[in-house]
Amino acid sequence: MSKFLVLYRGGDGSKLSPEQNDTLMKKWGQYMEKLVKAGALVDGAPVQSSAATQIVGKAKVIKETRAGNHASFVGGYCILRGKSIKGIQRLSKTCPHLTMMDGTIEIVPIMETP
């Protein structure tokens, strides 16, 4: 089985009402349970995107502010295991990040190393 890095980008949760946020968190819990039952979940967590920094180029300049717009920010990640990227895509299409927050999911195959 291959591993895939799944990045959850964009989606502005600050625009959700408290009730909508509660619903979203329940849906995330159900989605994570689904990943576990499918045997796909290796690891995953939300990230504190606002605290991110960047180290840029050969000069190794540290930037305390984020580049890009809110839609490009990573809000969380999962490492999923599956037979193919198509299977990971099918699982990811049911993620609440797409339905409630209008976010983007990026799936990147992880290279096997010796």
N, C-alpha and C. Protein backbone atom coordinates (compact mmCIF):
# COMPACT_ATOMS: atom_id res chain seq x y z
N MET A 1 0.84 -1.18 0.00
CA MET A 1 0.00 0.00 0.00
C MET A 1 0.88 1.24 0.00
N SER A 2 0.43 2.24 -0.70
CA SER A 2 1.15 3.51 -0.79
C SER A 2 0.65 4.48 0.27
N LYS A 3 1.46 5.48 0.56
CA LYS A 3 1.06 6.54 1.48
C LYS A 3 0.91 7.85 0.70
N PHE A 4 -0.01 8.68 1.19
CA PHE A 4 -0.31 9.96 0.55
C PHE A 4 -0.41 11.04 1.62
N LEU A 5 0.19 12.20 1.33
CA LEU A 5 0.05 13.38 2.17
C LEU A 5 -1.17 14.14 1.67
N VAL A 6 -2.13 14.35 2.55
CA VAL A 6 -3.36 15.06 2.18
C VAL A 6 -3.36 16.38 2.94
N LEU A 7 -3.35 17.48 2.19
CA LEU A 7 -3.33 18.82 2.78
C LEU A 7 -4.70 19.46 2.62
N TYR A 8 -5.20 20.00 3.72
CA TYR A 8 -6.49 20.69 3.71
C TYR A 8 -6.21 22.18 3.67
N ARG A 9 -6.49 22.79 2.52
CA ARG A 9 -6.16 24.20 2.30
C ARG A 9 -7.42 25.05 2.25
N GLY A 10 -7.24 26.31 2.66
CA GLY A 10 -8.32 27.29 2.54
C GLY A 10 -9.51 26.95 3.40
N GLY A 11 -10.63 27.51 3.05
CA GLY A 11 -11.83 27.31 3.85
C GLY A 11 -11.79 28.19 5.09
N ASP A 12 -12.62 29.17 5.15
CA ASP A 12 -12.58 30.14 6.24
C ASP A 12 -13.62 29.79 7.29
N GLY A 13 -13.17 29.12 8.36
CA GLY A 13 -14.07 28.72 9.44
C GLY A 13 -14.56 29.89 10.28
N SER A 14 -13.90 31.05 10.17
CA SER A 14 -14.31 32.20 10.98
C SER A 14 -15.68 32.73 10.56
N LYS A 15 -16.13 32.35 9.39
CA LYS A 15 -17.43 32.82 8.90
C LYS A 15 -18.58 31.93 9.35
N LEU A 16 -18.26 30.82 10.04
CA LEU A 16 -19.30 29.90 10.50
C LEU A 16 -19.89 30.37 11.82
N SER A 17 -21.18 30.16 12.00
CA SER A 17 -21.81 30.43 13.28
C SER A 17 -21.35 29.36 14.27
N PRO A 18 -21.54 29.57 15.57
CA PRO A 18 -21.18 28.53 16.55
C PRO A 18 -21.88 27.19 16.26
N GLU A 19 -23.13 27.25 15.85
CA GLU A 19 -23.87 26.03 15.52
C GLU A 19 -23.27 25.34 14.30
N GLN A 20 -22.93 26.12 13.29
CA GLN A 20 -22.31 25.55 12.09
C GLN A 20 -20.94 24.95 12.43
N ASN A 21 -20.20 25.61 13.30
CA ASN A 21 -18.89 25.10 13.71
C ASN A 21 -19.04 23.77 14.45
N ASP A 22 -20.04 23.68 15.34
CA ASP A 22 -20.30 22.42 16.05
C ASP A 22 -20.63 21.30 15.06
N THR A 23 -21.46 21.61 14.08
CA THR A 23 -21.82 20.63 13.05
C THR A 23 -20.58 20.21 12.27
N LEU A 24 -19.75 21.17 11.92
CA LEU A 24 -18.52 20.87 11.19
C LEU A 24 -17.63 19.93 12.00
N MET A 25 -17.45 20.20 13.28
CA MET A 25 -16.59 19.37 14.12
C MET A 25 -17.14 17.94 14.23
N LYS A 26 -18.46 17.80 14.32
CA LYS A 26 -19.07 16.47 14.35
C LYS A 26 -18.81 15.73 13.04
N LYS A 27 -18.94 16.46 11.93
CA LYS A 27 -18.71 15.84 10.62
C LYS A 27 -17.24 15.44 10.46
N TRP A 28 -16.33 16.27 10.99
CA TRP A 28 -14.91 15.90 10.95
C TRP A 28 -14.67 14.62 11.75
N GLY A 29 -15.30 14.52 12.92
CA GLY A 29 -15.16 13.32 13.73
C GLY A 29 -15.65 12.08 12.99
N GLN A 30 -16.80 12.21 12.33
CA GLN A 30 -17.35 11.10 11.55
C GLN A 30 -16.43 10.75 10.39
N TYR A 31 -15.87 11.77 9.75
CA TYR A 31 -14.98 11.54 8.62
C TYR A 31 -13.71 10.81 9.07
N MET A 32 -13.14 11.24 10.20
CA MET A 32 -11.92 10.59 10.70
C MET A 32 -12.22 9.14 11.08
N GLU A 33 -13.39 8.88 11.67
CA GLU A 33 -13.79 7.51 11.98
C GLU A 33 -13.88 6.68 10.71
N LYS A 34 -14.41 7.27 9.66
CA LYS A 34 -14.51 6.58 8.37
C LYS A 34 -13.13 6.20 7.85
N LEU A 35 -12.16 7.13 7.98
CA LEU A 35 -10.80 6.85 7.53
C LEU A 35 -10.17 5.71 8.34
N VAL A 36 -10.43 5.71 9.65
CA VAL A 36 -9.92 4.63 10.51
C VAL A 36 -10.53 3.30 10.11
N LYS A 37 -11.85 3.25 9.95
CA LYS A 37 -12.54 2.01 9.57
C LYS A 37 -12.07 1.48 8.23
N ALA A 38 -11.72 2.39 7.32
CA ALA A 38 -11.23 1.99 6.00
C ALA A 38 -9.77 1.53 6.05
N GLY A 39 -9.13 1.69 7.22
CA GLY A 39 -7.72 1.32 7.34
C GLY A 39 -6.79 2.28 6.63
N ALA A 40 -7.27 3.48 6.37
CA ALA A 40 -6.50 4.46 5.59
C ALA A 40 -5.71 5.43 6.44
N LEU A 41 -6.16 5.73 7.65
CA LEU A 41 -5.54 6.80 8.43
C LEU A 41 -4.24 6.33 9.08
N VAL A 42 -3.15 7.03 8.75
CA VAL A 42 -1.85 6.80 9.38
C VAL A 42 -1.62 7.86 10.45
N ASP A 43 -1.93 9.11 10.12
CA ASP A 43 -1.72 10.23 11.03
C ASP A 43 -2.51 11.42 10.50
N GLY A 44 -2.71 12.42 11.34
CA GLY A 44 -3.37 13.63 10.89
C GLY A 44 -3.68 14.54 12.05
N ALA A 45 -3.79 15.84 11.74
CA ALA A 45 -4.09 16.83 12.77
C ALA A 45 -4.36 18.17 12.12
N PRO A 46 -5.09 19.04 12.83
CA PRO A 46 -5.17 20.44 12.38
C PRO A 46 -3.84 21.11 12.69
N VAL A 47 -3.55 22.20 12.01
CA VAL A 47 -2.32 22.94 12.29
C VAL A 47 -2.66 24.38 12.63
N GLN A 48 -1.73 25.04 13.30
CA GLN A 48 -1.92 26.44 13.66
C GLN A 48 -1.33 27.29 12.55
N SER A 49 -2.10 27.46 11.49
CA SER A 49 -1.63 28.15 10.30
C SER A 49 -1.16 29.57 10.58
N SER A 50 -1.79 30.22 11.54
CA SER A 50 -1.43 31.61 11.84
C SER A 50 -0.03 31.73 12.44
N ALA A 51 0.51 30.64 12.96
CA ALA A 51 1.83 30.67 13.58
C ALA A 51 2.94 30.23 12.62
N ALA A 52 2.58 29.93 11.38
CA ALA A 52 3.56 29.43 10.43
C ALA A 52 4.57 30.50 10.04
N THR A 53 5.80 30.06 9.80
CA THR A 53 6.84 30.92 9.26
C THR A 53 7.41 30.24 8.03
N GLN A 54 8.22 30.97 7.29
CA GLN A 54 8.85 30.43 6.09
C GLN A 54 10.34 30.69 6.15
N ILE A 55 11.12 29.74 5.63
CA ILE A 55 12.56 29.94 5.41
C ILE A 55 12.74 29.89 3.91
N VAL A 56 13.29 30.97 3.35
CA VAL A 56 13.26 31.16 1.90
C VAL A 56 14.67 31.17 1.30
N GLY A 57 14.85 30.34 0.27
CA GLY A 57 16.00 30.37 -0.60
C GLY A 57 17.36 30.09 0.02
N LYS A 58 18.37 30.26 -0.83
CA LYS A 58 19.75 30.01 -0.42
C LYS A 58 20.20 30.89 0.73
N ALA A 59 19.63 32.07 0.80
CA ALA A 59 19.99 33.00 1.88
C ALA A 59 19.34 32.60 3.20
N LYS A 60 18.40 31.66 3.14
CA LYS A 60 17.72 31.14 4.34
C LYS A 60 17.06 32.25 5.16
N VAL A 61 16.42 33.18 4.45
CA VAL A 61 15.74 34.29 5.09
C VAL A 61 14.48 33.76 5.78
N ILE A 62 14.31 34.12 7.04
CA ILE A 62 13.14 33.70 7.79
C ILE A 62 12.09 34.79 7.69
N LYS A 63 10.90 34.40 7.22
CA LYS A 63 9.78 35.33 7.11
C LYS A 63 8.74 34.93 8.14
N GLU A 64 8.38 35.89 8.97
CA GLU A 64 7.39 35.64 10.01
C GLU A 64 5.97 35.76 9.48
N THR A 65 5.80 36.34 8.31
CA THR A 65 4.46 36.49 7.74
C THR A 65 4.29 35.48 6.61
N ARG A 66 3.07 35.07 6.39
CA ARG A 66 2.77 34.07 5.38
C ARG A 66 2.69 34.69 3.99
N ALA A 67 3.15 33.96 3.00
CA ALA A 67 2.99 34.37 1.61
C ALA A 67 1.70 33.77 1.07
N GLY A 68 1.10 34.42 0.13
CA GLY A 68 -0.11 33.89 -0.49
C GLY A 68 -1.36 34.40 0.19
N ASN A 69 -2.49 33.88 -0.25
CA ASN A 69 -3.77 34.29 0.32
C ASN A 69 -4.33 33.19 1.21
N HIS A 70 -5.45 33.48 1.85
CA HIS A 70 -6.04 32.53 2.80
C HIS A 70 -6.31 31.18 2.14
N ALA A 71 -6.69 31.16 0.89
CA ALA A 71 -7.02 29.91 0.20
C ALA A 71 -5.82 28.98 0.08
N SER A 72 -4.60 29.52 0.14
CA SER A 72 -3.41 28.68 0.01
C SER A 72 -2.91 28.16 1.35
N PHE A 73 -3.42 28.67 2.46
CA PHE A 73 -2.94 28.26 3.78
C PHE A 73 -3.37 26.83 4.09
N VAL A 74 -2.49 26.08 4.73
CA VAL A 74 -2.78 24.73 5.16
C VAL A 74 -3.41 24.79 6.55
N GLY A 75 -4.60 24.21 6.69
CA GLY A 75 -5.28 24.20 7.98
C GLY A 75 -5.15 22.87 8.70
N GLY A 76 -4.69 21.85 7.99
CA GLY A 76 -4.52 20.54 8.58
C GLY A 76 -3.96 19.57 7.55
N TYR A 77 -3.67 18.37 8.03
CA TYR A 77 -3.11 17.36 7.14
C TYR A 77 -3.53 15.97 7.61
N CYS A 78 -3.44 15.03 6.72
CA CYS A 78 -3.53 13.61 7.04
C CYS A 78 -2.48 12.88 6.22
N ILE A 79 -2.00 11.81 6.76
CA ILE A 79 -1.24 10.85 5.97
C ILE A 79 -2.15 9.64 5.85
N LEU A 80 -2.51 9.32 4.61
CA LEU A 80 -3.42 8.22 4.35
C LEU A 80 -2.72 7.12 3.59
N ARG A 81 -3.17 5.90 3.82
CA ARG A 81 -2.62 4.72 3.17
C ARG A 81 -3.69 4.16 2.25
N GLY A 82 -3.30 3.79 1.03
CA GLY A 82 -4.27 3.23 0.10
C GLY A 82 -3.59 2.53 -1.06
N LYS A 83 -4.38 1.78 -1.81
CA LYS A 83 -3.85 1.06 -2.97
C LYS A 83 -3.52 1.99 -4.12
N SER A 84 -4.29 3.09 -4.22
CA SER A 84 -4.08 4.00 -5.35
C SER A 84 -4.52 5.41 -4.97
N ILE A 85 -4.05 6.36 -5.74
CA ILE A 85 -4.47 7.75 -5.52
C ILE A 85 -5.97 7.90 -5.79
N LYS A 86 -6.50 7.11 -6.69
CA LYS A 86 -7.94 7.19 -6.99
C LYS A 86 -8.77 6.82 -5.76
N GLY A 87 -8.33 5.82 -5.00
CA GLY A 87 -9.04 5.44 -3.78
C GLY A 87 -8.98 6.55 -2.73
N ILE A 88 -7.83 7.21 -2.63
CA ILE A 88 -7.68 8.32 -1.69
C ILE A 88 -8.54 9.50 -2.14
N GLN A 89 -8.63 9.71 -3.44
CA GLN A 89 -9.50 10.76 -3.97
C GLN A 89 -10.96 10.48 -3.61
N ARG A 90 -11.39 9.22 -3.75
CA ARG A 90 -12.78 8.87 -3.41
C ARG A 90 -13.07 9.15 -1.93
N LEU A 91 -12.15 8.75 -1.05
CA LEU A 91 -12.33 9.02 0.38
C LEU A 91 -12.37 10.53 0.64
N SER A 92 -11.48 11.26 -0.01
CA SER A 92 -11.35 12.69 0.24
C SER A 92 -12.55 13.48 -0.26
N LYS A 93 -13.24 12.98 -1.26
CA LYS A 93 -14.43 13.68 -1.78
C LYS A 93 -15.55 13.76 -0.75
N THR A 94 -15.49 12.92 0.28
CA THR A 94 -16.53 12.93 1.31
C THR A 94 -16.14 13.78 2.51
N CYS A 95 -15.03 14.46 2.43
CA CYS A 95 -14.50 15.25 3.55
C CYS A 95 -15.34 16.52 3.78
N PRO A 96 -15.65 16.83 5.04
CA PRO A 96 -16.44 18.04 5.33
C PRO A 96 -15.70 19.33 4.99
N HIS A 97 -14.40 19.27 4.81
CA HIS A 97 -13.65 20.47 4.43
C HIS A 97 -14.14 21.02 3.09
N LEU A 98 -14.60 20.14 2.23
CA LEU A 98 -15.11 20.56 0.92
C LEU A 98 -16.54 21.07 1.01
N THR A 99 -17.35 20.42 1.81
CA THR A 99 -18.77 20.73 1.80
C THR A 99 -19.15 21.91 2.68
N MET A 100 -18.50 22.07 3.81
CA MET A 100 -18.91 23.13 4.74
C MET A 100 -18.06 24.38 4.65
N MET A 101 -16.81 24.22 4.23
CA MET A 101 -15.91 25.37 4.25
C MET A 101 -15.46 25.80 2.87
N ASP A 102 -15.87 25.07 1.83
CA ASP A 102 -15.48 25.39 0.46
C ASP A 102 -13.96 25.45 0.34
N GLY A 103 -13.29 24.52 0.98
CA GLY A 103 -11.83 24.46 0.94
C GLY A 103 -11.33 23.63 -0.21
N THR A 104 -10.04 23.39 -0.22
CA THR A 104 -9.37 22.61 -1.24
C THR A 104 -8.59 21.49 -0.56
N ILE A 105 -8.59 20.32 -1.17
CA ILE A 105 -7.80 19.20 -0.67
C ILE A 105 -6.74 18.89 -1.72
N GLU A 106 -5.50 18.83 -1.26
CA GLU A 106 -4.38 18.51 -2.14
C GLU A 106 -3.84 17.15 -1.71
N ILE A 107 -3.70 16.23 -2.66
CA ILE A 107 -3.21 14.88 -2.37
C ILE A 107 -1.87 14.70 -3.06
N VAL A 108 -0.85 14.35 -2.26
CA VAL A 108 0.51 14.22 -2.78
C VAL A 108 1.03 12.82 -2.44
N PRO A 109 1.39 12.01 -3.44
CA PRO A 109 1.98 10.72 -3.14
C PRO A 109 3.30 10.88 -2.37
N ILE A 110 3.50 10.04 -1.36
CA ILE A 110 4.75 10.06 -0.60
C ILE A 110 5.67 9.01 -1.21
N MET A 111 6.86 9.43 -1.56
CA MET A 111 7.83 8.52 -2.18
C MET A 111 8.36 7.53 -1.14
N GLU A 112 8.47 6.30 -1.54
CA GLU A 112 9.07 5.30 -0.66
C GLU A 112 10.58 5.49 -0.70
N THR A 113 11.18 5.43 0.47
CA THR A 113 12.63 5.56 0.55
C THR A 113 13.22 4.25 1.07
N PRO A 114 14.41 3.93 0.60
CA PRO A 114 15.02 2.66 1.05
C PRO A 114 15.41 2.69 2.52
